[in-house]
């Protein structure tokens, strides 16, 4: 499903990036969740904050 979303966004020319974090489960970015994965969460938040910085200034 995620791969199909990525392909659809690209086919429609939408500026987006789908990033897959292998070996982690939904909710991995939140320390309160059982699925929390520290290294993946740190990368995720770096990327989200950089996205906000680029687009919400």
PDB file of N, CA and C in Angstrom:
ATOM      1  N   UNK A   1       0.817  -1.182   0.000  1.00  0.00           N
ATOM      2  CA  UNK A   1       0.000   0.000   0.000  1.00  0.00           C
ATOM      3  C   UNK A   1       0.874   1.265   0.000  1.00  0.00           C
ATOM      4  N   UNK A   2       1.946   1.266   0.759  1.00  0.00           N
ATOM      5  CA  UNK A   2       2.822   2.441   0.829  1.00  0.00           C
ATOM      6  C   UNK A   2       3.530   2.651  -0.508  1.00  0.00           C
ATOM      7  N   UNK A   3       3.972   1.572  -1.118  1.00  0.00           N
ATOM      8  CA  UNK A   3       4.633   1.670  -2.422  1.00  0.00           C
ATOM      9  C   UNK A   3       3.659   2.223  -3.462  1.00  0.00           C
ATOM     10  N   UNK A   4       2.424   1.765  -3.421  1.00  0.00           N
ATOM     11  CA  UNK A   4       1.409   2.263  -4.362  1.00  0.00           C
ATOM     12  C   UNK A   4       1.162   3.754  -4.151  1.00  0.00           C
ATOM     13  N   UNK A   5       1.122   4.196  -2.917  1.00  0.00           N
ATOM     14  CA  UNK A   5       0.960   5.622  -2.626  1.00  0.00           C
ATOM     15  C   UNK A   5       2.119   6.417  -3.208  1.00  0.00           C
ATOM     16  N   UNK A   6       3.324   5.961  -2.984  1.00  0.00           N
ATOM     17  CA  UNK A   6       4.520   6.633  -3.498  1.00  0.00           C
ATOM     18  C   UNK A   6       4.459   6.737  -5.020  1.00  0.00           C
ATOM     19  N   UNK A   7       4.135   5.642  -5.674  1.00  0.00           N
ATOM     20  CA  UNK A   7       4.060   5.638  -7.140  1.00  0.00           C
ATOM     21  C   UNK A   7       2.964   6.573  -7.647  1.00  0.00           C
ATOM     22  N   UNK A   8       1.848   6.594  -6.966  1.00  0.00           N
ATOM     23  CA  UNK A   8       0.739   7.460  -7.367  1.00  0.00           C
ATOM     24  C   UNK A   8       1.107   8.935  -7.234  1.00  0.00           C
ATOM     25  N   UNK A   9       1.762   9.294  -6.144  1.00  0.00           N
ATOM     26  CA  UNK A   9       2.191  10.679  -5.957  1.00  0.00           C
ATOM     27  C   UNK A   9       3.151  11.095  -7.061  1.00  0.00           C
ATOM     28  N   UNK A  10       4.108  10.235  -7.362  1.00  0.00           N
ATOM     29  CA  UNK A  10       5.077  10.537  -8.418  1.00  0.00           C
ATOM     30  C   UNK A  10       4.401  10.649  -9.776  1.00  0.00           C
ATOM     31  N   UNK A  11       3.494   9.734 -10.062  1.00  0.00           N
ATOM     32  CA  UNK A  11       2.799   9.737 -11.360  1.00  0.00           C
ATOM     33  C   UNK A  11       1.973  11.006 -11.548  1.00  0.00           C
ATOM     34  N   UNK A  12       1.450  11.530 -10.439  1.00  0.00           N
ATOM     35  CA  UNK A  12       0.638  12.741 -10.513  1.00  0.00           C
ATOM     36  C   UNK A  12       1.468  14.018 -10.407  1.00  0.00           C
ATOM     37  N   UNK A  13       2.785  13.871 -10.290  1.00  0.00           N
ATOM     38  CA  UNK A  13       3.660  15.030 -10.227  1.00  0.00           C
ATOM     39  C   UNK A  13       3.567  15.809  -8.927  1.00  0.00           C
ATOM     40  N   UNK A  14       3.142  15.144  -7.879  1.00  0.00           N
ATOM     41  CA  UNK A  14       3.002  15.804  -6.574  1.00  0.00           C
ATOM     42  C   UNK A  14       4.349  15.805  -5.867  1.00  0.00           C
ATOM     43  N   UNK A  15       4.734  16.958  -5.361  1.00  0.00           N
ATOM     44  CA  UNK A  15       5.994  17.082  -4.642  1.00  0.00           C
ATOM     45  C   UNK A  15       5.818  16.450  -3.259  1.00  0.00           C
ATOM     46  N   UNK A  16       6.329  15.248  -3.114  1.00  0.00           N
ATOM     47  CA  UNK A  16       6.176  14.513  -1.859  1.00  0.00           C
ATOM     48  C   UNK A  16       7.282  13.478  -1.769  1.00  0.00           C
ATOM     49  N   UNK A  17       7.524  13.036  -0.564  1.00  0.00           N
ATOM     50  CA  UNK A  17       8.502  11.971  -0.364  1.00  0.00           C
ATOM     51  C   UNK A  17       7.928  10.988   0.637  1.00  0.00           C
ATOM     52  N   UNK A  18       7.899   9.740   0.248  1.00  0.00           N
ATOM     53  CA  UNK A  18       7.446   8.671   1.130  1.00  0.00           C
ATOM     54  C   UNK A  18       8.695   7.947   1.611  1.00  0.00           C
ATOM     55  N   UNK A  19       8.871   7.908   2.906  1.00  0.00           N
ATOM     56  CA  UNK A  19      10.052   7.262   3.462  1.00  0.00           C
ATOM     57  C   UNK A  19       9.608   6.058   4.286  1.00  0.00           C
ATOM     58  N   UNK A  20      10.226   4.936   4.018  1.00  0.00           N
ATOM     59  CA  UNK A  20       9.900   3.690   4.721  1.00  0.00           C
ATOM     60  C   UNK A  20      11.001   3.401   5.728  1.00  0.00           C
ATOM     61  N   UNK A  21      10.596   3.089   6.930  1.00  0.00           N
ATOM     62  CA  UNK A  21      11.531   2.743   8.000  1.00  0.00           C
ATOM     63  C   UNK A  21      11.416   1.236   8.242  1.00  0.00           C
ATOM     64  N   UNK A  22      12.314   0.455   7.648  1.00  0.00           N
ATOM     65  CA  UNK A  22      12.222  -1.006   7.769  1.00  0.00           C
ATOM     66  C   UNK A  22      12.324  -1.474   9.221  1.00  0.00           C
ATOM     67  N   UNK A  23      11.524  -2.458   9.544  1.00  0.00           N
ATOM     68  CA  UNK A  23      11.604  -3.084  10.851  1.00  0.00           C
ATOM     69  C   UNK A  23      10.907  -2.350  11.979  1.00  0.00           C
ATOM     70  N   UNK A  24      10.199  -1.265  11.667  1.00  0.00           N
ATOM     71  CA  UNK A  24       9.480  -0.550  12.721  1.00  0.00           C
ATOM     72  C   UNK A  24       7.983  -0.588  12.417  1.00  0.00           C
ATOM     73  N   UNK A  25       7.190  -0.317  13.424  1.00  0.00           N
ATOM     74  CA  UNK A  25       5.737  -0.353  13.287  1.00  0.00           C
ATOM     75  C   UNK A  25       5.155   1.043  13.446  1.00  0.00           C
ATOM     76  N   UNK A  26       3.917   1.190  12.999  1.00  0.00           N
ATOM     77  CA  UNK A  26       3.208   2.463  13.097  1.00  0.00           C
ATOM     78  C   UNK A  26       3.271   2.975  14.538  1.00  0.00           C
ATOM     79  N   UNK A  27       3.573   4.244  14.704  1.00  0.00           N
ATOM     80  CA  UNK A  27       3.679   4.837  16.025  1.00  0.00           C
ATOM     81  C   UNK A  27       5.086   4.820  16.593  1.00  0.00           C
ATOM     82  N   UNK A  28       6.062   4.432  15.773  1.00  0.00           N
ATOM     83  CA  UNK A  28       7.446   4.277  16.241  1.00  0.00           C
ATOM     84  C   UNK A  28       8.098   5.569  16.713  1.00  0.00           C
ATOM     85  N   UNK A  29       7.532   6.709  16.361  1.00  0.00           N
ATOM     86  CA  UNK A  29       8.186   7.992  16.661  1.00  0.00           C
ATOM     87  C   UNK A  29       7.838   8.556  18.033  1.00  0.00           C
ATOM     88  N   UNK A  30       6.975   7.891  18.756  1.00  0.00           N
ATOM     89  CA  UNK A  30       6.500   8.422  20.034  1.00  0.00           C
ATOM     90  C   UNK A  30       6.970   7.549  21.195  1.00  0.00           C
ATOM     91  N   UNK A  31       7.770   8.103  22.101  1.00  0.00           N
ATOM     92  CA  UNK A  31       8.358   7.316  23.190  1.00  0.00           C
ATOM     93  C   UNK A  31       7.339   6.618  24.087  1.00  0.00           C
ATOM     94  N   UNK A  32       6.124   7.135  24.148  1.00  0.00           N
ATOM     95  CA  UNK A  32       5.104   6.541  25.009  1.00  0.00           C
ATOM     96  C   UNK A  32       4.509   5.261  24.434  1.00  0.00           C
ATOM     97  N   UNK A  33       4.808   4.966  23.189  1.00  0.00           N
ATOM     98  CA  UNK A  33       4.193   3.813  22.516  1.00  0.00           C
ATOM     99  C   UNK A  33       5.094   2.591  22.579  1.00  0.00           C
ATOM    100  N   UNK A  34       4.511   1.413  22.652  1.00  0.00           N
ATOM    101  CA  UNK A  34       5.318   0.182  22.660  1.00  0.00           C
ATOM    102  C   UNK A  34       6.146   0.014  21.386  1.00  0.00           C
ATOM    103  N   UNK A  35       5.708   0.620  20.289  1.00  0.00           N
ATOM    104  CA  UNK A  35       6.410   0.487  19.005  1.00  0.00           C
ATOM    105  C   UNK A  35       7.596   1.443  18.877  1.00  0.00           C
ATOM    106  N   UNK A  36       7.845   2.259  19.895  1.00  0.00           N
ATOM    107  CA  UNK A  36       8.903   3.274  19.814  1.00  0.00           C
ATOM    108  C   UNK A  36      10.238   2.656  19.401  1.00  0.00           C
ATOM    109  N   UNK A  37      10.888   3.330  18.440  1.00  0.00           N
ATOM    110  CA  UNK A  37      12.214   2.912  17.963  1.00  0.00           C
ATOM    111  C   UNK A  37      13.072   4.172  17.894  1.00  0.00           C
ATOM    112  N   UNK A  38      13.978   4.305  18.844  1.00  0.00           N
ATOM    113  CA  UNK A  38      14.733   5.548  19.047  1.00  0.00           C
ATOM    114  C   UNK A  38      15.448   6.049  17.798  1.00  0.00           C
ATOM    115  N   UNK A  39      16.238   5.225  17.147  1.00  0.00           N
ATOM    116  CA  UNK A  39      17.008   5.691  15.979  1.00  0.00           C
ATOM    117  C   UNK A  39      16.091   6.135  14.840  1.00  0.00           C
ATOM    118  N   UNK A  40      15.072   5.357  14.572  1.00  0.00           N
ATOM    119  CA  UNK A  40      14.136   5.734  13.504  1.00  0.00           C
ATOM    120  C   UNK A  40      13.360   6.988  13.878  1.00  0.00           C
ATOM    121  N   UNK A  41      12.982   7.101  15.141  1.00  0.00           N
ATOM    122  CA  UNK A  41      12.241   8.283  15.589  1.00  0.00           C
ATOM    123  C   UNK A  41      13.091   9.540  15.444  1.00  0.00           C
ATOM    124  N   UNK A  42      14.357   9.451  15.811  1.00  0.00           N
ATOM    125  CA  UNK A  42      15.228  10.619  15.670  1.00  0.00           C
ATOM    126  C   UNK A  42      15.342  11.050  14.217  1.00  0.00           C
ATOM    127  N   UNK A  43      15.510  10.104  13.303  1.00  0.00           N
ATOM    128  CA  UNK A  43      15.591  10.443  11.877  1.00  0.00           C
ATOM    129  C   UNK A  43      14.264  11.052  11.409  1.00  0.00           C
ATOM    130  N   UNK A  44      13.181  10.445  11.816  1.00  0.00           N
ATOM    131  CA  UNK A  44      11.858  10.936  11.420  1.00  0.00           C
ATOM    132  C   UNK A  44      11.652  12.383  11.859  1.00  0.00           C
ATOM    133  N   UNK A  45      11.920  12.688  13.135  1.00  0.00           N
ATOM    134  CA  UNK A  45      11.697  14.034  13.629  1.00  0.00           C
ATOM    135  C   UNK A  45      12.649  15.039  12.988  1.00  0.00           C
ATOM    136  N   UNK A  46      13.879  14.640  12.696  1.00  0.00           N
ATOM    137  CA  UNK A  46      14.796  15.537  11.969  1.00  0.00           C
ATOM    138  C   UNK A  46      14.196  15.915  10.626  1.00  0.00           C
ATOM    139  N   UNK A  47      13.662  14.917   9.925  1.00  0.00           N
ATOM    140  CA  UNK A  47      13.111  15.151   8.597  1.00  0.00           C
ATOM    141  C   UNK A  47      11.821  15.973   8.650  1.00  0.00           C
ATOM    142  N   UNK A  48      10.961  15.693   9.616  1.00  0.00           N
ATOM    143  CA  UNK A  48       9.712  16.452   9.743  1.00  0.00           C
ATOM    144  C   UNK A  48      10.006  17.907  10.086  1.00  0.00           C
ATOM    145  N   UNK A  49      10.891  18.130  11.035  1.00  0.00           N
ATOM    146  CA  UNK A  49      11.217  19.500  11.420  1.00  0.00           C
ATOM    147  C   UNK A  49      11.896  20.260  10.279  1.00  0.00           C
ATOM    148  N   UNK A  50      12.738  19.575   9.499  1.00  0.00           N
ATOM    149  CA  UNK A  50      13.360  20.212   8.331  1.00  0.00           C
ATOM    150  C   UNK A  50      12.293  20.568   7.291  1.00  0.00           C
ATOM    151  N   UNK A  51      11.319  19.701   7.113  1.00  0.00           N
ATOM    152  CA  UNK A  51      10.207  19.977   6.191  1.00  0.00           C
ATOM    153  C   UNK A  51       9.455  21.232   6.639  1.00  0.00           C
ATOM    154  N   UNK A  52       9.143  21.304   7.927  1.00  0.00           N
ATOM    155  CA  UNK A  52       8.456  22.493   8.447  1.00  0.00           C
ATOM    156  C   UNK A  52       9.315  23.741   8.249  1.00  0.00           C
ATOM    157  N   UNK A  53      10.586  23.632   8.522  1.00  0.00           N
ATOM    158  CA  UNK A  53      11.504  24.763   8.388  1.00  0.00           C
ATOM    159  C   UNK A  53      11.523  25.278   6.941  1.00  0.00           C
ATOM    160  N   UNK A  54      11.570  24.371   5.993  1.00  0.00           N
ATOM    161  CA  UNK A  54      11.601  24.756   4.573  1.00  0.00           C
ATOM    162  C   UNK A  54      10.293  25.360   4.095  1.00  0.00           C
ATOM    163  N   UNK A  55       9.190  24.883   4.610  1.00  0.00           N
ATOM    164  CA  UNK A  55       7.898  25.241   4.028  1.00  0.00           C
ATOM    165  C   UNK A  55       7.025  26.164   4.854  1.00  0.00           C
ATOM    166  N   UNK A  56       7.353  26.369   6.104  1.00  0.00           N
ATOM    167  CA  UNK A  56       6.495  27.186   6.963  1.00  0.00           C
ATOM    168  C   UNK A  56       7.151  28.472   7.431  1.00  0.00           C
ATOM    169  N   UNK A  57       8.231  28.850   6.799  1.00  0.00           N
ATOM    170  CA  UNK A  57       8.899  30.090   7.179  1.00  0.00           C
ATOM    171  C   UNK A  57       8.152  31.284   6.671  1.00  0.00           C
TER     172      UNK A  57
END
